[in-house]
Amino acid sequence: MNYKTLTNNQLMKNFIIFFLTLLSTSCNLFQGQQPVEESVAVEEKQQQEEVFVPVQKELYVIDKKEREDYYLFGEKIKISAEGNEFYKTDRGDYIKKKDVGDWNTLKTKITGDDLTRNVDINGNSNDHITKYLSIDQISYEEYQEALRNKIDFLIEDTLAIVKKNGKLTFPCEHKTVYLKDQSDSVEDPFSTTYAYVGNVPILNQYLVFEDSGDFYAYIFIDKTTGKQTDFERFSFLSPDKKYIITIGRAYEDLVGTISLYCIKSIKPFVIETLVNEDIKWWATYDFDEDPIFFSKNGFLYAPMNVIPNFFDEHNNPNKQRMYIKIGIKRQ
């Protein structure tokens, strides 16, 4: 048999196999897409056939799944008309009635597992928060009751360290630490200012607030060594003086953030990071009239909200909010 003829026959055979495989794959893909397309078509038909009655109400998305209409869990929706199975929204689209509810219904949908479950930037779930912390939703009354037993180790002696010519001076045993305000420039359009907040005697630390325009932070300065320790948010010391929690929101991204540190030593000051996570769908209110605080029972209490409902229609912190308590799981 001619080698060239054998090669051509083999090529033709391979081509036929490839074509049949591609055809089979395309059919399977089409069949996989078909139910989704049919489901969408059925929904659209139902929407067209429904009789809608004009209404004016505000409801919240209680469906936790990622949605094709891009509504987010907890988002407030203005309803303009009501049908048997669907609502029509002010923006002219439709949403299933089972996927929305009032404020109290939304709150019941948020469990402790929801509050501690987290995913990384690639969408992979992790248990960093769950391993070390418990987070539970509580009533406003329980929050207020715990506030009566608030624990605070910060001494706000703000007049003890006074800024002169844009510079703060911190006398420490081993050296003197200076923090000087920085004006904005062509290279760095954001100015940086420092403010003395107070001191935490039990930890032997000064506390400073840093505002750099596009971000802010808190700094511990060790009264003995002068060593600086940075925190993304205000550091709350647990009643047993063994842990520090920082919690708030990342203002540039509007996501929640939470960190837990174990205090290994005070002199010298040494901490170990146990949790350092961004939270994508809820955040606590820091810099707010409702404080974040530790109570005598060892729990940290905080006001919080789902991200889509964090601000009201005037872009102010929403007064309609929830409350949580955070417990530390001793390892």
C-alpha atoms as a PDB file:
ATOM      1  CA  MET A   1       0.000   0.000   0.000  1.00  0.00           C
ATOM      2  CA  ASN A   2       1.220   3.451  -0.882  1.00  0.00           C
ATOM      3  CA  TYR A   3       2.433   5.409   2.216  1.00  0.00           C
ATOM      4  CA  LYS A   4       0.921   8.639   0.904  1.00  0.00           C
ATOM      5  CA  THR A   5      -2.468   6.941   0.411  1.00  0.00           C
ATOM      6  CA  LEU A   6      -2.279   5.543   3.975  1.00  0.00           C
ATOM      7  CA  THR A   7      -1.513   8.999   5.330  1.00  0.00           C
ATOM      8  CA  ASN A   8      -4.384  10.640   3.470  1.00  0.00           C
ATOM      9  CA  ASN A   9      -6.812   7.929   4.619  1.00  0.00           C
ATOM     10  CA  GLN A  10      -5.650   8.364   8.193  1.00  0.00           C
ATOM     11  CA  LEU A  11      -6.056  12.128   7.972  1.00  0.00           C
ATOM     12  CA  MET A  12      -9.588  11.745   6.607  1.00  0.00           C
ATOM     13  CA  LYS A  13     -10.414   9.306   9.410  1.00  0.00           C
ATOM     14  CA  ASN A  14      -9.088  11.698  12.047  1.00  0.00           C
ATOM     15  CA  PHE A  15     -11.036  14.578  10.528  1.00  0.00           C
ATOM     16  CA  ILE A  16     -14.298  12.600  10.596  1.00  0.00           C
ATOM     17  CA  ILE A  17     -13.717  11.645  14.248  1.00  0.00           C
ATOM     18  CA  PHE A  18     -12.956  15.285  15.142  1.00  0.00           C
ATOM     19  CA  PHE A  19     -16.067  16.500  13.299  1.00  0.00           C
ATOM     20  CA  LEU A  20     -18.337  13.982  15.013  1.00  0.00           C
ATOM     21  CA  THR A  21     -16.846  14.862  18.428  1.00  0.00           C
ATOM     22  CA  LEU A  22     -17.366  18.582  17.805  1.00  0.00           C
ATOM     23  CA  LEU A  23     -20.936  17.966  16.671  1.00  0.00           C
ATOM     24  CA  SER A  24     -21.665  15.906  19.786  1.00  0.00           C
ATOM     25  CA  THR A  25     -20.167  18.560  22.064  1.00  0.00           C
ATOM     26  CA  SER A  26     -22.165  21.317  20.359  1.00  0.00           C
ATOM     27  CA  CYS A  27     -25.358  19.337  20.787  1.00  0.00           C
ATOM     28  CA  ASN A  28     -24.660  18.740  24.469  1.00  0.00           C
ATOM     29  CA  LEU A  29     -23.879  22.428  24.969  1.00  0.00           C
ATOM     30  CA  PHE A  30     -27.058  23.404  23.188  1.00  0.00           C
ATOM     31  CA  GLN A  31     -29.057  20.966  25.274  1.00  0.00           C
ATOM     32  CA  GLY A  32     -27.455  22.377  28.434  1.00  0.00           C
ATOM     33  CA  GLN A  33     -28.346  25.930  27.440  1.00  0.00           C
ATOM     34  CA  GLN A  34     -31.845  25.001  26.350  1.00  0.00           C
ATOM     35  CA  PRO A  35     -33.373  24.601  29.855  1.00  0.00           C
ATOM     36  CA  VAL A  36     -31.971  27.982  30.922  1.00  0.00           C
ATOM     37  CA  GLU A  37     -33.258  29.696  27.809  1.00  0.00           C
ATOM     38  CA  GLU A  38     -36.621  27.975  28.176  1.00  0.00           C
ATOM     39  CA  SER A  39     -36.824  29.040  31.828  1.00  0.00           C
ATOM     40  CA  VAL A  40     -36.156  32.668  30.891  1.00  0.00           C
ATOM     41  CA  ALA A  41     -38.744  32.466  28.120  1.00  0.00           C
ATOM     42  CA  VAL A  42     -41.324  31.013  30.507  1.00  0.00           C
ATOM     43  CA  GLU A  43     -40.687  33.810  33.017  1.00  0.00           C
ATOM     44  CA  GLU A  44     -41.036  36.479  30.351  1.00  0.00           C
ATOM     45  CA  LYS A  45     -44.301  34.903  29.182  1.00  0.00           C
ATOM     46  CA  GLN A  46     -45.607  34.831  32.774  1.00  0.00           C
ATOM     47  CA  GLN A  47     -44.699  38.496  33.245  1.00  0.00           C
ATOM     48  CA  GLN A  48     -46.523  39.468  30.068  1.00  0.00           C
ATOM     49  CA  GLU A  49     -49.640  37.497  31.000  1.00  0.00           C
ATOM     50  CA  GLU A  50     -49.860  38.694  34.620  1.00  0.00           C
ATOM     51  CA  VAL A  51     -52.256  41.448  35.615  1.00  0.00           C
ATOM     52  CA  PHE A  52     -50.409  44.102  37.624  1.00  0.00           C
ATOM     53  CA  VAL A  53     -52.038  46.424  40.113  1.00  0.00           C
ATOM     54  CA  PRO A  54     -50.292  49.739  40.908  1.00  0.00           C
ATOM     55  CA  VAL A  55     -48.707  49.810  44.393  1.00  0.00           C
ATOM     56  CA  GLN A  56     -46.102  51.883  46.190  1.00  0.00           C
ATOM     57  CA  LYS A  57     -43.842  49.938  48.528  1.00  0.00           C
ATOM     58  CA  GLU A  58     -40.194  49.323  49.336  1.00  0.00           C
ATOM     59  CA  LEU A  59     -38.881  45.792  49.738  1.00  0.00           C
ATOM     60  CA  TYR A  60     -35.481  44.126  50.079  1.00  0.00           C
ATOM     61  CA  VAL A  61     -33.848  41.380  48.055  1.00  0.00           C
ATOM     62  CA  ILE A  62     -33.717  38.235  50.235  1.00  0.00           C
ATOM     63  CA  ASP A  63     -32.334  35.939  47.537  1.00  0.00           C
ATOM     64  CA  LYS A  64     -28.692  35.199  48.425  1.00  0.00           C
ATOM     65  CA  LYS A  65     -27.712  33.740  45.050  1.00  0.00           C
ATOM     66  CA  GLU A  66     -25.853  35.721  42.403  1.00  0.00           C
ATOM     67  CA  ARG A  67     -28.597  37.054  40.178  1.00  0.00           C
ATOM     68  CA  GLU A  68     -28.759  37.642  36.433  1.00  0.00           C
ATOM     69  CA  ASP A  69     -30.558  40.969  37.028  1.00  0.00           C
ATOM     70  CA  TYR A  70     -27.640  42.100  39.240  1.00  0.00           C
ATOM     71  CA  TYR A  71     -29.812  42.860  42.268  1.00  0.00           C
ATOM     72  CA  LEU A  72     -27.767  42.279  45.427  1.00  0.00           C
ATOM     73  CA  PHE A  73     -28.794  40.557  48.633  1.00  0.00           C
ATOM     74  CA  GLY A  74     -30.223  43.197  50.970  1.00  0.00           C
ATOM     75  CA  GLU A  75     -30.742  45.806  48.250  1.00  0.00           C
ATOM     76  CA  LYS A  76     -33.800  48.022  48.665  1.00  0.00           C
ATOM     77  CA  ILE A  77     -36.166  47.988  45.691  1.00  0.00           C
ATOM     78  CA  LYS A  78     -39.011  50.380  45.012  1.00  0.00           C
ATOM     79  CA  ILE A  79     -42.080  48.514  43.809  1.00  0.00           C
ATOM     80  CA  SER A  80     -44.519  50.183  41.399  1.00  0.00           C
ATOM     81  CA  ALA A  81     -46.920  47.326  40.620  1.00  0.00           C
ATOM     82  CA  GLU A  82     -47.861  43.907  41.970  1.00  0.00           C
ATOM     83  CA  GLY A  83     -48.926  40.774  40.107  1.00  0.00           C
ATOM     84  CA  ASN A  84     -49.631  37.237  41.229  1.00  0.00           C
ATOM     85  CA  GLU A  85     -46.027  35.996  41.124  1.00  0.00           C
ATOM     86  CA  PHE A  86     -44.010  39.072  40.189  1.00  0.00           C
ATOM     87  CA  TYR A  87     -43.440  42.663  41.246  1.00  0.00           C
ATOM     88  CA  LYS A  88     -42.705  45.415  38.767  1.00  0.00           C
ATOM     89  CA  THR A  89     -39.994  47.791  39.963  1.00  0.00           C
ATOM     90  CA  ASP A  90     -39.574  51.524  39.507  1.00  0.00           C
ATOM     91  CA  ARG A  91     -36.783  50.860  37.035  1.00  0.00           C
ATOM     92  CA  GLY A  92     -39.197  48.946  34.808  1.00  0.00           C
ATOM     93  CA  ASP A  93     -38.065  45.362  35.300  1.00  0.00           C
ATOM     94  CA  TYR A  94     -39.607  42.464  37.201  1.00  0.00           C
ATOM     95  CA  ILE A  95     -38.622  40.410  40.224  1.00  0.00           C
ATOM     96  CA  LYS A  96     -40.234  37.325  41.721  1.00  0.00           C
ATOM     97  CA  LYS A  97     -42.243  38.045  44.850  1.00  0.00           C
ATOM     98  CA  LYS A  98     -40.578  35.166  46.687  1.00  0.00           C
ATOM     99  CA  ASP A  99     -37.175  36.829  46.186  1.00  0.00           C
ATOM    100  CA  VAL A 100     -38.050  39.982  48.153  1.00  0.00           C
ATOM    101  CA  GLY A 101     -39.387  40.760  51.614  1.00  0.00           C
ATOM    102  CA  ASP A 102     -39.738  43.498  54.198  1.00  0.00           C
ATOM    103  CA  TRP A 103     -36.993  44.626  56.592  1.00  0.00           C
ATOM    104  CA  ASN A 104     -37.818  42.085  59.292  1.00  0.00           C
ATOM    105  CA  THR A 105     -37.828  39.269  56.739  1.00  0.00           C
ATOM    106  CA  LEU A 106     -34.394  40.358  55.526  1.00  0.00           C
ATOM    107  CA  LYS A 107     -33.048  40.274  59.082  1.00  0.00           C
ATOM    108  CA  THR A 108     -34.310  36.725  59.620  1.00  0.00           C
ATOM    109  CA  LYS A 109     -32.407  35.591  56.527  1.00  0.00           C
ATOM    110  CA  ILE A 110     -29.050  36.582  58.061  1.00  0.00           C
ATOM    111  CA  THR A 111     -27.616  33.777  60.203  1.00  0.00           C
ATOM    112  CA  GLY A 112     -24.395  33.393  62.173  1.00  0.00           C
ATOM    113  CA  ASP A 113     -23.033  31.186  59.395  1.00  0.00           C
ATOM    114  CA  ASP A 114     -23.747  33.930  56.865  1.00  0.00           C
ATOM    115  CA  LEU A 115     -21.858  36.476  58.973  1.00  0.00           C
ATOM    116  CA  THR A 116     -18.736  34.332  59.374  1.00  0.00           C
ATOM    117  CA  ARG A 117     -18.668  32.688  55.943  1.00  0.00           C
ATOM    118  CA  ASN A 118     -16.216  34.420  53.644  1.00  0.00           C
ATOM    119  CA  VAL A 119     -14.663  34.122  50.197  1.00  0.00           C
ATOM    120  CA  ASP A 120     -11.330  35.295  48.813  1.00  0.00           C
ATOM    121  CA  ILE A 121     -10.800  37.450  45.716  1.00  0.00           C
ATOM    122  CA  ASN A 122     -11.077  34.367  43.518  1.00  0.00           C
ATOM    123  CA  GLY A 123     -14.461  33.404  44.953  1.00  0.00           C
ATOM    124  CA  ASN A 124     -13.094  30.501  46.994  1.00  0.00           C
ATOM    125  CA  SER A 125     -14.588  30.097  50.461  1.00  0.00           C
ATOM    126  CA  ASN A 126     -12.368  30.063  53.538  1.00  0.00           C
ATOM    127  CA  ASP A 127     -12.941  29.458  57.234  1.00  0.00           C
ATOM    128  CA  HIS A 128     -10.546  32.028  58.687  1.00  0.00           C
ATOM    129  CA  ILE A 129     -13.317  33.947  60.447  1.00  0.00           C
ATOM    130  CA  THR A 130     -15.295  30.872  61.514  1.00  0.00           C
ATOM    131  CA  LYS A 131     -12.217  29.268  63.050  1.00  0.00           C
ATOM    132  CA  TYR A 132     -11.583  32.087  65.507  1.00  0.00           C
ATOM    133  CA  LEU A 133     -14.790  34.131  65.802  1.00  0.00           C
ATOM    134  CA  SER A 134     -18.519  33.675  66.314  1.00  0.00           C
ATOM    135  CA  ILE A 135     -20.773  36.427  64.965  1.00  0.00           C
ATOM    136  CA  ASP A 136     -24.478  36.605  65.765  1.00  0.00           C
ATOM    137  CA  GLN A 137     -27.192  39.109  64.986  1.00  0.00           C
ATOM    138  CA  ILE A 138     -28.855  40.588  68.071  1.00  0.00           C
ATOM    139  CA  SER A 139     -31.649  43.020  68.868  1.00  0.00           C
ATOM    140  CA  TYR A 140     -31.165  46.727  69.462  1.00  0.00           C
ATOM    141  CA  GLU A 141     -32.317  46.176  73.054  1.00  0.00           C
ATOM    142  CA  GLU A 142     -29.571  43.606  73.690  1.00  0.00           C
ATOM    143  CA  TYR A 143     -27.028  45.991  72.164  1.00  0.00           C
ATOM    144  CA  GLN A 144     -28.161  48.800  74.497  1.00  0.00           C
ATOM    145  CA  GLU A 145     -28.066  46.497  77.523  1.00  0.00           C
ATOM    146  CA  ALA A 146     -24.487  45.487  76.735  1.00  0.00           C
ATOM    147  CA  LEU A 147     -23.532  49.157  76.271  1.00  0.00           C
ATOM    148  CA  ARG A 148     -24.228  49.735  79.975  1.00  0.00           C
ATOM    149  CA  ASN A 149     -21.300  47.397  80.734  1.00  0.00           C
ATOM    150  CA  LYS A 150     -18.893  48.813  78.165  1.00  0.00           C
ATOM    151  CA  ILE A 151     -15.172  48.200  78.742  1.00  0.00           C
ATOM    152  CA  ASP A 152     -12.669  50.798  77.498  1.00  0.00           C
ATOM    153  CA  PHE A 153      -8.920  50.767  78.217  1.00  0.00           C
ATOM    154  CA  LEU A 154      -8.153  53.979  76.303  1.00  0.00           C
ATOM    155  CA  ILE A 155      -7.212  57.088  78.303  1.00  0.00           C
ATOM    156  CA  GLU A 156      -8.133  60.078  76.098  1.00  0.00           C
ATOM    157  CA  ASP A 157      -5.524  62.489  77.448  1.00  0.00           C
ATOM    158  CA  THR A 158      -5.364  64.381  74.165  1.00  0.00           C
ATOM    159  CA  LEU A 159      -3.761  67.448  75.754  1.00  0.00           C
ATOM    160  CA  ALA A 160      -0.769  65.426  76.967  1.00  0.00           C
ATOM    161  CA  ILE A 161       0.733  65.325  73.464  1.00  0.00           C
ATOM    162  CA  VAL A 162       0.198  68.611  71.611  1.00  0.00           C
ATOM    163  CA  LYS A 163       1.083  69.161  67.963  1.00  0.00           C
ATOM    164  CA  LYS A 164       3.609  71.944  67.317  1.00  0.00           C
ATOM    165  CA  ASN A 165       4.410  73.162  63.813  1.00  0.00           C
ATOM    166  CA  GLY A 166       2.619  70.159  62.366  1.00  0.00           C
ATOM    167  CA  LYS A 167       4.651  67.686  64.447  1.00  0.00           C
ATOM    168  CA  LEU A 168       3.751  65.319  67.283  1.00  0.00           C
ATOM    169  CA  THR A 169       6.484  64.311  69.733  1.00  0.00           C
ATOM    170  CA  PHE A 170       6.320  61.056  71.692  1.00  0.00           C
ATOM    171  CA  PRO A 171       8.876  60.604  74.482  1.00  0.00           C
ATOM    172  CA  CYS A 172       9.750  56.911  74.880  1.00  0.00           C
ATOM    173  CA  GLU A 173      12.345  55.293  77.160  1.00  0.00           C
ATOM    174  CA  HIS A 174      14.748  54.290  74.387  1.00  0.00           C
ATOM    175  CA  LYS A 175      14.133  57.125  71.917  1.00  0.00           C
ATOM    176  CA  THR A 176      11.846  59.986  70.926  1.00  0.00           C
ATOM    177  CA  VAL A 177       9.390  59.395  68.091  1.00  0.00           C
ATOM    178  CA  TYR A 178       8.266  62.216  65.798  1.00  0.00           C
ATOM    179  CA  LEU A 179       5.259  62.164  63.471  1.00  0.00           C
ATOM    180  CA  LYS A 180       5.083  65.158  61.128  1.00  0.00           C
ATOM    181  CA  ASP A 181       2.160  66.114  58.907  1.00  0.00           C
ATOM    182  CA  GLN A 182       2.912  65.905  55.188  1.00  0.00           C
ATOM    183  CA  SER A 183       1.452  68.335  52.657  1.00  0.00           C
ATOM    184  CA  ASP A 184       0.213  67.135  49.308  1.00  0.00           C
ATOM    185  CA  SER A 185       2.590  67.384  46.340  1.00  0.00           C
ATOM    186  CA  VAL A 186       2.840  66.543  42.654  1.00  0.00           C
ATOM    187  CA  GLU A 187       4.311  63.149  43.541  1.00  0.00           C
ATOM    188  CA  ASP A 188       1.781  62.476  46.283  1.00  0.00           C
ATOM    189  CA  PRO A 189      -1.568  64.272  45.832  1.00  0.00           C
ATOM    190  CA  PHE A 190      -2.804  63.187  49.276  1.00  0.00           C
ATOM    191  CA  SER A 191      -1.719  64.985  52.413  1.00  0.00           C
ATOM    192  CA  THR A 192      -1.083  63.052  55.629  1.00  0.00           C
ATOM    193  CA  THR A 193      -2.064  64.320  59.056  1.00  0.00           C
ATOM    194  CA  TYR A 194      -1.625  62.774  62.499  1.00  0.00           C
ATOM    195  CA  ALA A 195      -3.744  63.221  65.605  1.00  0.00           C
ATOM    196  CA  TYR A 196      -2.992  61.989  69.104  1.00  0.00           C
ATOM    197  CA  VAL A 197      -5.944  59.926  70.347  1.00  0.00           C
ATOM    198  CA  GLY A 198      -4.716  58.892  73.797  1.00  0.00           C
ATOM    199  CA  ASN A 199      -2.825  56.077  75.457  1.00  0.00           C
ATOM    200  CA  VAL A 200      -3.494  52.507  76.547  1.00  0.00           C
ATOM    201  CA  PRO A 201      -1.567  52.073  79.826  1.00  0.00           C
ATOM    202  CA  ILE A 202      -2.284  48.336  80.132  1.00  0.00           C
ATOM    203  CA  LEU A 203      -0.475  47.794  76.801  1.00  0.00           C
ATOM    204  CA  ASN A 204       2.161  50.508  77.333  1.00  0.00           C
ATOM    205  CA  GLN A 205       1.151  52.190  74.055  1.00  0.00           C
ATOM    206  CA  TYR A 206       0.387  55.629  72.686  1.00  0.00           C
ATOM    207  CA  LEU A 207      -2.441  55.672  70.110  1.00  0.00           C
ATOM    208  CA  VAL A 208      -2.329  57.900  67.017  1.00  0.00           C
ATOM    209  CA  PHE A 209      -4.811  58.418  64.178  1.00  0.00           C
ATOM    210  CA  GLU A 210      -3.364  58.778  60.663  1.00  0.00           C
ATOM    211  CA  ASP A 211      -5.427  60.363  57.883  1.00  0.00           C
ATOM    212  CA  SER A 212      -3.899  60.203  54.409  1.00  0.00           C
ATOM    213  CA  GLY A 213      -6.874  61.274  52.343  1.00  0.00           C
ATOM    214  CA  ASP A 214      -7.316  58.027  50.442  1.00  0.00           C
ATOM    215  CA  PHE A 215      -7.014  55.862  53.546  1.00  0.00           C
ATOM    216  CA  TYR A 216      -6.728  56.062  57.309  1.00  0.00           C
ATOM    217  CA  ALA A 217      -5.111  53.964  60.023  1.00  0.00           C
ATOM    218  CA  TYR A 218      -4.319  53.786  63.720  1.00  0.00           C
ATOM    219  CA  ILE A 219      -0.800  53.507  65.078  1.00  0.00           C
ATOM    220  CA  PHE A 220       0.447  52.137  68.395  1.00  0.00           C
ATOM    221  CA  ILE A 221       3.734  53.626  69.596  1.00  0.00           C
ATOM    222  CA  ASP A 222       5.475  51.596  72.282  1.00  0.00           C
ATOM    223  CA  LYS A 223       6.332  53.804  75.263  1.00  0.00           C
ATOM    224  CA  THR A 224       9.499  51.795  75.921  1.00  0.00           C
ATOM    225  CA  THR A 225      11.019  51.041  72.517  1.00  0.00           C
ATOM    226  CA  GLY A 226       9.243  53.573  70.294  1.00  0.00           C
ATOM    227  CA  LYS A 227       8.267  50.761  67.923  1.00  0.00           C
ATOM    228  CA  GLN A 228       5.213  51.517  65.763  1.00  0.00           C
ATOM    229  CA  THR A 229       2.443  48.997  65.106  1.00  0.00           C
ATOM    230  CA  ASP A 230      -0.125  49.837  62.417  1.00  0.00           C
ATOM    231  CA  PHE A 231      -3.797  48.841  62.415  1.00  0.00           C
ATOM    232  CA  GLU A 232      -6.278  49.429  59.596  1.00  0.00           C
ATOM    233  CA  ARG A 233      -9.019  50.327  62.068  1.00  0.00           C
ATOM    234  CA  PHE A 234      -9.414  51.267  65.720  1.00  0.00           C
ATOM    235  CA  SER A 235      -8.020  48.569  67.988  1.00  0.00           C
ATOM    236  CA  PHE A 236     -10.474  47.188  70.569  1.00  0.00           C
ATOM    237  CA  LEU A 237      -8.788  45.374  73.474  1.00  0.00           C
ATOM    238  CA  SER A 238     -10.699  42.391  74.889  1.00  0.00           C
ATOM    239  CA  PRO A 239     -11.620  42.428  78.603  1.00  0.00           C
ATOM    240  CA  ASP A 240      -9.126  39.631  79.340  1.00  0.00           C
ATOM    241  CA  LYS A 241      -6.407  41.744  77.636  1.00  0.00           C
ATOM    242  CA  LYS A 242      -5.373  38.816  75.418  1.00  0.00           C
ATOM    243  CA  TYR A 243      -6.836  39.853  72.060  1.00  0.00           C
ATOM    244  CA  ILE A 244      -7.350  42.876  69.825  1.00  0.00           C
ATOM    245  CA  ILE A 245     -10.160  43.164  67.275  1.00  0.00           C
ATOM    246  CA  THR A 246     -10.295  45.774  64.540  1.00  0.00           C
ATOM    247  CA  ILE A 247     -13.473  46.070  62.499  1.00  0.00           C
ATOM    248  CA  GLY A 248     -15.028  48.559  60.095  1.00  0.00           C
ATOM    249  CA  ARG A 249     -15.258  49.088  56.385  1.00  0.00           C
ATOM    250  CA  ALA A 250     -12.801  49.733  53.590  1.00  0.00           C
ATOM    251  CA  TYR A 251     -13.901  53.163  52.408  1.00  0.00           C
ATOM    252  CA  GLU A 252     -12.281  52.916  48.991  1.00  0.00           C
ATOM    253  CA  ASP A 253     -14.108  49.669  48.120  1.00  0.00           C
ATOM    254  CA  LEU A 254     -17.120  49.772  50.466  1.00  0.00           C
ATOM    255  CA  VAL A 255     -16.537  46.291  51.802  1.00  0.00           C
ATOM    256  CA  GLY A 256     -16.332  45.165  55.400  1.00  0.00           C
ATOM    257  CA  THR A 257     -13.047  44.357  57.093  1.00  0.00           C
ATOM    258  CA  ILE A 258     -12.283  42.443  60.297  1.00  0.00           C
ATOM    259  CA  SER A 259      -9.044  41.438  62.000  1.00  0.00           C
ATOM    260  CA  LEU A 260      -8.174  39.518  65.144  1.00  0.00           C
ATOM    261  CA  TYR A 261      -4.802  39.666  66.877  1.00  0.00           C
ATOM    262  CA  CYS A 262      -3.468  37.592  69.763  1.00  0.00           C
ATOM    263  CA  ILE A 263      -1.261  39.487  72.198  1.00  0.00           C
ATOM    264  CA  LYS A 264       1.831  37.339  72.730  1.00  0.00           C
ATOM    265  CA  SER A 265       3.751  39.824  74.868  1.00  0.00           C
ATOM    266  CA  ILE A 266       3.386  43.367  76.239  1.00  0.00           C
ATOM    267  CA  LYS A 267       7.054  44.121  76.987  1.00  0.00           C
ATOM    268  CA  PRO A 268       8.160  43.909  74.271  1.00  0.00           C
ATOM    269  CA  PHE A 269       4.837  44.403  72.485  1.00  0.00           C
ATOM    270  CA  VAL A 270       4.279  41.420  70.185  1.00  0.00           C
ATOM    271  CA  ILE A 271       1.045  40.410  68.446  1.00  0.00           C
ATOM    272  CA  GLU A 272       0.106  37.554  66.126  1.00  0.00           C
ATOM    273  CA  THR A 273      -2.432  38.009  63.332  1.00  0.00           C
ATOM    274  CA  LEU A 274      -5.127  35.322  63.465  1.00  0.00           C
ATOM    275  CA  VAL A 275      -7.742  36.863  61.162  1.00  0.00           C
ATOM    276  CA  ASN A 276      -7.380  39.561  58.509  1.00  0.00           C
ATOM    277  CA  GLU A 277     -10.330  39.399  56.134  1.00  0.00           C
ATOM    278  CA  ASP A 278     -12.434  41.562  53.854  1.00  0.00           C
ATOM    279  CA  ILE A 279     -16.165  40.897  53.980  1.00  0.00           C
ATOM    280  CA  LYS A 280     -17.977  41.393  50.713  1.00  0.00           C
ATOM    281  CA  TRP A 281     -21.637  41.762  51.694  1.00  0.00           C
ATOM    282  CA  TRP A 282     -21.801  43.390  55.135  1.00  0.00           C
ATOM    283  CA  ALA A 283     -19.882  45.959  57.142  1.00  0.00           C
ATOM    284  CA  THR A 284     -19.984  47.661  60.531  1.00  0.00           C
ATOM    285  CA  TYR A 285     -20.467  51.362  61.172  1.00  0.00           C
ATOM    286  CA  ASP A 286     -17.346  52.943  62.617  1.00  0.00           C
ATOM    287  CA  PHE A 287     -17.196  56.693  63.297  1.00  0.00           C
ATOM    288  CA  ASP A 288     -20.862  56.546  64.208  1.00  0.00           C
ATOM    289  CA  GLU A 289     -23.129  57.615  67.064  1.00  0.00           C
ATOM    290  CA  ASP A 290     -23.776  53.915  67.747  1.00  0.00           C
ATOM    291  CA  PRO A 291     -20.389  52.832  69.126  1.00  0.00           C
ATOM    292  CA  ILE A 292     -18.436  49.635  68.665  1.00  0.00           C
ATOM    293  CA  PHE A 293     -17.342  48.326  72.060  1.00  0.00           C
ATOM    294  CA  PHE A 294     -16.366  45.377  74.206  1.00  0.00           C
ATOM    295  CA  SER A 295     -18.694  44.571  77.076  1.00  0.00           C
ATOM    296  CA  LYS A 296     -17.833  42.908  80.387  1.00  0.00           C
ATOM    297  CA  ASN A 297     -19.158  39.579  79.105  1.00  0.00           C
ATOM    298  CA  GLY A 298     -16.270  39.376  76.601  1.00  0.00           C
ATOM    299  CA  PHE A 299     -18.297  40.055  73.438  1.00  0.00           C
ATOM    300  CA  LEU A 300     -17.636  42.873  70.980  1.00  0.00           C
ATOM    301  CA  TYR A 301     -20.823  44.714  69.952  1.00  0.00           C
ATOM    302  CA  ALA A 302     -21.300  46.692  66.750  1.00  0.00           C
ATOM    303  CA  PRO A 303     -23.940  48.254  64.460  1.00  0.00           C
ATOM    304  CA  MET A 304     -23.869  46.806  60.943  1.00  0.00           C
ATOM    305  CA  ASN A 305     -25.693  46.614  57.648  1.00  0.00           C
ATOM    306  CA  VAL A 306     -25.663  44.822  54.335  1.00  0.00           C
ATOM    307  CA  ILE A 307     -23.516  46.724  51.826  1.00  0.00           C
ATOM    308  CA  PRO A 308     -26.365  47.717  49.436  1.00  0.00           C
ATOM    309  CA  ASN A 309     -28.264  49.251  52.378  1.00  0.00           C
ATOM    310  CA  PHE A 310     -25.285  50.816  54.156  1.00  0.00           C
ATOM    311  CA  PHE A 311     -26.197  54.370  53.134  1.00  0.00           C
ATOM    312  CA  ASP A 312     -29.619  55.976  52.848  1.00  0.00           C
ATOM    313  CA  GLU A 313     -30.945  57.856  49.820  1.00  0.00           C
ATOM    314  CA  HIS A 314     -29.049  60.974  50.924  1.00  0.00           C
ATOM    315  CA  ASN A 315     -25.747  59.055  51.130  1.00  0.00           C
ATOM    316  CA  ASN A 316     -25.694  59.217  54.927  1.00  0.00           C
ATOM    317  CA  PRO A 317     -25.152  56.200  57.219  1.00  0.00           C
ATOM    318  CA  ASN A 318     -28.483  54.413  57.227  1.00  0.00           C
ATOM    319  CA  LYS A 319     -30.421  54.648  60.482  1.00  0.00           C
ATOM    320  CA  GLN A 320     -32.203  51.437  59.556  1.00  0.00           C
ATOM    321  CA  ARG A 321     -29.560  48.932  60.577  1.00  0.00           C
ATOM    322  CA  MET A 322     -28.793  45.730  62.434  1.00  0.00           C
ATOM    323  CA  TYR A 323     -26.607  44.843  65.414  1.00  0.00           C
ATOM    324  CA  ILE A 324     -24.174  42.006  66.043  1.00  0.00           C
ATOM    325  CA  LYS A 325     -22.056  40.559  68.814  1.00  0.00           C
ATOM    326  CA  ILE A 326     -18.705  38.931  68.160  1.00  0.00           C
ATOM    327  CA  GLY A 327     -17.232  36.241  70.367  1.00  0.00           C
ATOM    328  CA  ILE A 328     -13.627  35.037  70.375  1.00  0.00           C
ATOM    329  CA  LYS A 329     -13.122  31.286  70.207  1.00  0.00           C
ATOM    330  CA  ARG A 330     -10.277  30.400  72.560  1.00  0.00           C
ATOM    331  CA  GLN A 331      -7.928  27.989  70.826  1.00  0.00           C
END
